[in-house]
Amino acid sequence: MKPAFLCLLLCCLCITAARAESRGWDGSYERLHFSIHWLFVPAGMAILEARSPAPGRARFRLEACSNAAVDLVYRVRDLIRVESLRTDRGLQSLGYRFRQHEGRHRNALTLDFLEPGRVRLTDHLATTTQAFEVAPGTLDMVSAFFTTRALPLHPGETYHLPVVDKDRHYTLSIDVLGRERLDTLLGDDTPTVKIHPRLQSEGVFKRSGEMYLWLTDDARHLPVRMESRVRYGKVISELTGIYNQAITTPSRGLMCERLQEGSQ
């Protein structure tokens, strides 16, 4: 299972420019909660938080937690923290911190965007550091997702975005497949636009294969549903909460852990 939020896109070539403030996230505090189902069985939750800690800055936080039942066989506690600049031309990645705990698998990585076209990757577990060249305008995957929400997303069009995902950098393509109506948190028969990001790497919950994402067909482009393939079956993530009041970020542990404990 994989929260839909590590994915997405935009283009440095062949793309219609879109100002971030005209669509998508507007810079105010936003926290989205998602339920995660694996083979239609409740498996956990994800939280995607966005805020502007200072003028011209963006801070994103993505968490994923398996629930108590899934913890017995495959415990997941993943955290991504991102710092970006908010400019007239959109987001510009500054730093990406990824801490992954999935079963026996561990990861602790940092991406520092040193200058346009150059990124430094630090693997804290292997204690290695490497710097490499990337295309100008390359974004981390979370900043790319928020940039995608600012796009027109016209059905039938394909957008392209230079991204770096851990130690891989490539041009990510996203197909806008069409409009659909779904029953969502926002109401029955909610107008949505369905997109297909063509990812080239695994993400949270070891997603593999095809992935599809539904965003509201309005100016906000809120993510309401995601479907993706994992090693065994399909994972579905659905929007369950929209919050505009900030909560205290834990100094240790994750927000999703506390929320799940409080609901038990």
Protein backbone atom coordinates (compact mmCIF):
# COMPACT_ATOMS: atom_id res chain seq x y z
CA MET A 1 0.00 0.00 0.00
CA LYS A 2 1.20 3.41 -0.69
CA PRO A 3 -0.16 6.88 0.04
CA ALA A 4 -0.66 8.61 -3.17
CA PHE A 5 1.24 11.53 -2.13
CA LEU A 6 4.91 10.65 -3.07
CA CYS A 7 4.22 10.63 -6.72
CA LEU A 8 3.73 13.27 -9.32
CA LEU A 9 4.65 15.79 -11.71
CA LEU A 10 5.12 18.80 -13.89
CA CYS A 11 7.26 19.67 -16.75
CA CYS A 12 10.28 21.67 -17.67
CA LEU A 13 9.59 21.02 -21.34
CA CYS A 14 6.32 20.99 -23.26
CA ILE A 15 4.14 22.22 -20.41
CA THR A 16 1.62 24.98 -20.01
CA ALA A 17 2.81 27.23 -17.21
CA ALA A 18 0.57 27.46 -14.16
CA ARG A 19 1.10 29.72 -11.18
CA ALA A 20 0.98 27.82 -7.90
CA GLU A 21 -1.23 30.42 -6.26
CA SER A 22 -3.98 30.15 -8.92
CA ARG A 23 -4.76 26.45 -8.32
CA GLY A 24 -4.07 23.71 -5.85
CA TRP A 25 -2.60 24.44 -2.45
CA ASP A 26 -2.82 28.16 -1.68
CA GLY A 27 -0.09 28.33 0.98
CA SER A 28 -2.39 28.22 4.00
CA TYR A 29 -2.22 25.40 6.53
CA GLU A 30 -3.63 22.16 5.16
CA ARG A 31 -3.68 18.66 6.66
CA LEU A 32 -5.21 15.73 4.81
CA HIS A 33 -5.94 12.34 6.40
CA PHE A 34 -6.25 9.15 4.38
CA SER A 35 -7.41 5.64 5.19
CA ILE A 36 -5.35 2.85 3.62
CA HIS A 37 -6.91 -0.46 2.63
CA TRP A 38 -5.08 -3.53 1.38
CA LEU A 39 -7.23 -6.09 -0.41
CA PHE A 40 -10.19 -4.12 1.04
CA VAL A 41 -8.95 -4.77 4.60
CA PRO A 42 -8.20 -1.68 6.77
CA ALA A 43 -4.41 -1.48 6.94
CA GLY A 44 -3.46 1.95 8.27
CA MET A 45 -3.54 5.67 7.66
CA ALA A 46 -1.51 8.43 6.05
CA ILE A 47 -1.24 12.14 6.78
CA LEU A 48 -0.13 14.84 4.36
CA GLU A 49 0.53 18.24 5.92
CA ALA A 50 1.43 21.51 4.19
CA ARG A 51 2.26 24.87 5.73
CA SER A 52 4.18 28.09 5.03
CA PRO A 53 6.54 28.65 7.99
CA ALA A 54 7.70 31.99 6.54
CA PRO A 55 6.95 34.14 3.47
CA GLY A 56 8.19 32.41 0.35
CA ARG A 57 8.72 29.07 2.09
CA ALA A 58 6.83 25.77 2.09
CA ARG A 59 7.10 22.87 4.49
CA PHE A 60 5.54 19.48 3.77
CA ARG A 61 5.23 16.41 5.96
CA LEU A 62 4.04 12.97 4.85
CA GLU A 63 3.48 10.11 7.27
CA ALA A 64 2.25 6.53 6.87
CA CYS A 65 1.41 4.11 9.69
CA SER A 66 0.06 0.59 9.60
CA ASN A 67 -2.63 -0.23 12.17
CA ALA A 68 -2.26 -2.54 15.16
CA ALA A 69 -3.43 -5.65 13.31
CA VAL A 70 -1.04 -5.14 10.38
CA ASP A 71 1.78 -4.26 12.81
CA LEU A 72 1.83 -7.91 13.85
CA VAL A 73 2.98 -9.02 10.39
CA TYR A 74 4.37 -5.92 8.64
CA ARG A 75 4.88 -2.80 10.74
CA VAL A 76 5.06 0.47 8.78
CA ARG A 77 6.23 3.82 10.17
CA ASP A 78 7.35 6.12 7.36
CA LEU A 79 8.09 9.84 7.49
CA ILE A 80 9.04 12.35 4.79
CA ARG A 81 9.82 15.99 5.56
CA VAL A 82 10.38 18.54 2.81
CA GLU A 83 11.48 22.17 2.64
CA SER A 84 10.84 24.17 -0.53
CA LEU A 85 10.80 27.73 -1.79
CA ARG A 86 7.56 29.25 -3.10
CA THR A 87 8.38 31.41 -6.13
CA ASP A 88 6.41 33.09 -8.90
CA ARG A 89 7.32 30.12 -11.10
CA GLY A 90 6.26 27.49 -8.59
CA LEU A 91 8.00 25.38 -5.99
CA GLN A 92 11.76 24.92 -5.77
CA SER A 93 13.06 22.01 -3.68
CA LEU A 94 15.55 22.73 -0.91
CA GLY A 95 15.70 19.60 1.25
CA TYR A 96 14.08 16.18 1.52
CA ARG A 97 14.32 13.88 4.57
CA PHE A 98 13.09 10.29 4.31
CA ARG A 99 12.85 7.83 7.20
CA GLN A 100 11.43 4.43 6.34
CA HIS A 101 10.52 1.51 8.58
CA GLU A 102 8.64 -1.23 6.75
CA GLY A 103 8.89 -4.72 8.19
CA ARG A 104 12.61 -5.46 8.40
CA HIS A 105 13.43 -2.78 5.84
CA ARG A 106 15.01 0.47 7.03
CA ASN A 107 16.03 3.65 5.23
CA ALA A 108 17.27 7.04 6.38
CA LEU A 109 18.08 9.37 3.49
CA THR A 110 18.60 13.10 2.97
CA LEU A 111 18.50 14.96 -0.33
CA ASP A 112 19.99 18.46 -0.34
CA PHE A 113 19.38 20.62 -3.40
CA LEU A 114 22.70 22.47 -3.40
CA GLU A 115 22.12 24.63 -6.46
CA PRO A 116 20.14 24.42 -9.71
CA GLY A 117 21.05 21.15 -11.36
CA ARG A 118 22.97 19.60 -8.44
CA VAL A 119 21.77 17.35 -5.60
CA ARG A 120 23.57 15.68 -2.69
CA LEU A 121 22.30 12.34 -1.35
CA THR A 122 23.25 11.20 2.15
CA ASP A 123 22.51 7.65 3.26
CA HIS A 124 22.62 7.85 7.05
CA LEU A 125 22.53 4.08 7.60
CA ALA A 126 25.28 3.29 5.11
CA THR A 127 27.11 6.52 6.10
CA THR A 128 27.71 7.44 2.46
CA THR A 129 27.34 10.70 0.57
CA GLN A 130 27.25 11.34 -3.15
CA ALA A 131 26.51 14.38 -5.29
CA PHE A 132 25.12 14.17 -8.81
CA GLU A 133 23.87 16.35 -11.64
CA VAL A 134 20.14 16.61 -12.38
CA ALA A 135 18.04 18.56 -14.85
CA PRO A 136 17.36 22.20 -13.93
CA GLY A 137 14.08 22.54 -12.05
CA THR A 138 14.22 19.00 -10.67
CA LEU A 139 11.88 18.51 -7.69
CA ASP A 140 11.54 16.02 -4.89
CA MET A 141 8.44 13.84 -5.20
CA VAL A 142 6.36 15.64 -2.56
CA SER A 143 7.00 19.12 -3.99
CA ALA A 144 6.21 17.65 -7.40
CA PHE A 145 2.85 16.45 -6.13
CA PHE A 146 1.92 19.93 -4.89
CA THR A 147 3.11 21.40 -8.18
CA THR A 148 0.85 18.96 -10.01
CA ARG A 149 -2.15 20.19 -8.09
CA ALA A 150 -1.45 23.65 -9.56
CA LEU A 151 -1.66 22.40 -13.16
CA PRO A 152 -4.72 22.69 -15.43
CA LEU A 153 -4.93 18.87 -15.75
CA HIS A 154 -6.92 18.87 -18.97
CA PRO A 155 -8.16 15.39 -19.94
CA GLY A 156 -6.16 13.88 -22.76
CA GLU A 157 -2.98 15.81 -21.98
CA THR A 158 0.33 14.44 -20.67
CA TYR A 159 2.64 16.48 -18.44
CA HIS A 160 6.30 15.82 -17.74
CA LEU A 161 8.39 16.72 -14.74
CA PRO A 162 12.07 16.22 -13.85
CA VAL A 163 12.11 14.53 -10.43
CA VAL A 164 14.57 12.90 -8.07
CA ASP A 165 13.32 9.96 -6.01
CA LYS A 166 15.97 8.81 -3.54
CA ASP A 167 18.93 7.89 -5.78
CA ARG A 168 17.04 7.97 -9.08
CA HIS A 169 16.37 11.02 -11.22
CA TYR A 170 14.26 10.93 -14.35
CA THR A 171 11.51 12.70 -16.28
CA LEU A 172 8.20 11.69 -14.81
CA SER A 173 5.20 11.58 -17.14
CA ILE A 174 1.62 11.91 -15.99
CA ASP A 175 -1.35 11.14 -18.18
CA VAL A 176 -4.66 12.90 -17.52
CA LEU A 177 -7.09 10.10 -18.32
CA GLY A 178 -10.41 11.87 -17.96
CA ARG A 179 -13.16 12.98 -15.62
CA GLU A 180 -15.09 10.67 -13.29
CA ARG A 181 -17.61 11.04 -10.51
CA LEU A 182 -16.94 9.28 -7.20
CA ASP A 183 -18.58 9.09 -3.79
CA THR A 184 -16.05 10.80 -1.52
CA LEU A 185 -15.69 12.63 1.78
CA LEU A 186 -16.85 15.75 -0.07
CA GLY A 187 -20.13 14.17 -1.08
CA ASP A 188 -21.79 11.66 -3.36
CA ASP A 189 -21.03 11.98 -7.05
CA THR A 190 -18.01 14.26 -6.52
CA PRO A 191 -16.52 15.49 -9.83
CA THR A 192 -12.90 14.27 -10.13
CA VAL A 193 -10.12 14.08 -12.67
CA LYS A 194 -8.22 10.79 -12.96
CA ILE A 195 -4.46 10.84 -13.58
CA HIS A 196 -1.85 8.17 -14.16
CA PRO A 197 1.69 9.07 -13.00
CA ARG A 198 4.25 6.75 -14.57
CA LEU A 199 6.57 6.21 -11.61
CA GLN A 200 9.89 4.45 -12.02
CA SER A 201 10.66 3.61 -8.41
CA GLU A 202 9.08 2.08 -5.34
CA GLY A 203 7.66 4.23 -2.60
CA VAL A 204 6.03 4.01 0.79
CA PHE A 205 4.52 0.55 1.40
CA LYS A 206 6.65 -0.86 -1.44
CA ARG A 207 4.30 0.16 -4.21
CA SER A 208 5.01 -1.39 -7.58
CA GLY A 209 3.22 -1.55 -10.91
CA GLU A 210 0.46 0.81 -12.03
CA MET A 211 -0.82 3.68 -9.90
CA TYR A 212 -3.85 5.92 -10.41
CA LEU A 213 -4.90 9.06 -8.57
CA TRP A 214 -8.19 10.97 -8.47
CA LEU A 215 -8.18 14.72 -7.70
CA THR A 216 -11.20 16.95 -7.27
CA ASP A 217 -12.14 18.59 -10.55
CA ASP A 218 -11.95 22.12 -9.18
CA ALA A 219 -9.32 24.73 -8.39
CA ARG A 220 -8.05 22.91 -5.28
CA HIS A 221 -7.34 19.55 -6.95
CA LEU A 222 -7.60 17.76 -3.62
CA PRO A 223 -6.48 14.11 -3.74
CA VAL A 224 -9.50 11.96 -2.82
CA ARG A 225 -8.49 8.46 -3.93
CA MET A 226 -5.45 6.46 -4.97
CA GLU A 227 -5.07 2.91 -6.22
CA SER A 228 -1.75 1.14 -6.62
CA ARG A 229 -0.32 -2.33 -6.96
CA VAL A 230 1.90 -3.83 -4.30
CA ARG A 231 3.64 -7.17 -4.19
CA TYR A 232 0.46 -8.90 -3.05
CA GLY A 233 -2.68 -7.27 -4.38
CA LYS A 234 -3.98 -3.72 -4.52
CA VAL A 235 -3.83 -0.83 -2.08
CA ILE A 236 -6.53 1.86 -1.97
CA SER A 237 -6.12 5.18 -0.15
CA GLU A 238 -9.14 7.44 0.38
CA LEU A 239 -9.42 10.93 1.82
CA THR A 240 -11.09 10.86 5.23
CA GLY A 241 -10.35 14.28 6.71
CA ILE A 242 -9.49 17.87 5.73
CA TYR A 243 -8.15 20.15 8.48
CA ASN A 244 -7.11 23.80 8.42
CA GLN A 245 -6.11 24.09 12.09
CA ALA A 246 -2.52 23.13 12.88
CA ILE A 247 -1.76 20.56 15.57
CA THR A 248 1.48 20.14 17.44
CA THR A 249 4.00 18.05 15.56
CA PRO A 250 5.45 15.34 17.83
CA SER A 251 9.10 15.80 18.72
CA ARG A 252 9.31 12.00 18.68
CA GLY A 253 7.06 9.53 16.92
CA LEU A 254 4.40 10.32 14.34
CA MET A 255 1.06 12.11 14.28
CA CYS A 256 -0.59 9.07 12.71
CA GLU A 257 0.57 6.88 15.62
CA ARG A 258 -1.03 9.22 18.16
CA LEU A 259 -4.25 9.54 16.19
CA GLN A 260 -4.57 5.79 15.80
CA GLU A 261 -3.90 5.22 19.50
CA GLY A 262 -6.50 7.82 20.39
CA SER A 263 -9.16 6.12 18.26
CA GLN A 264 -8.71 2.73 19.94
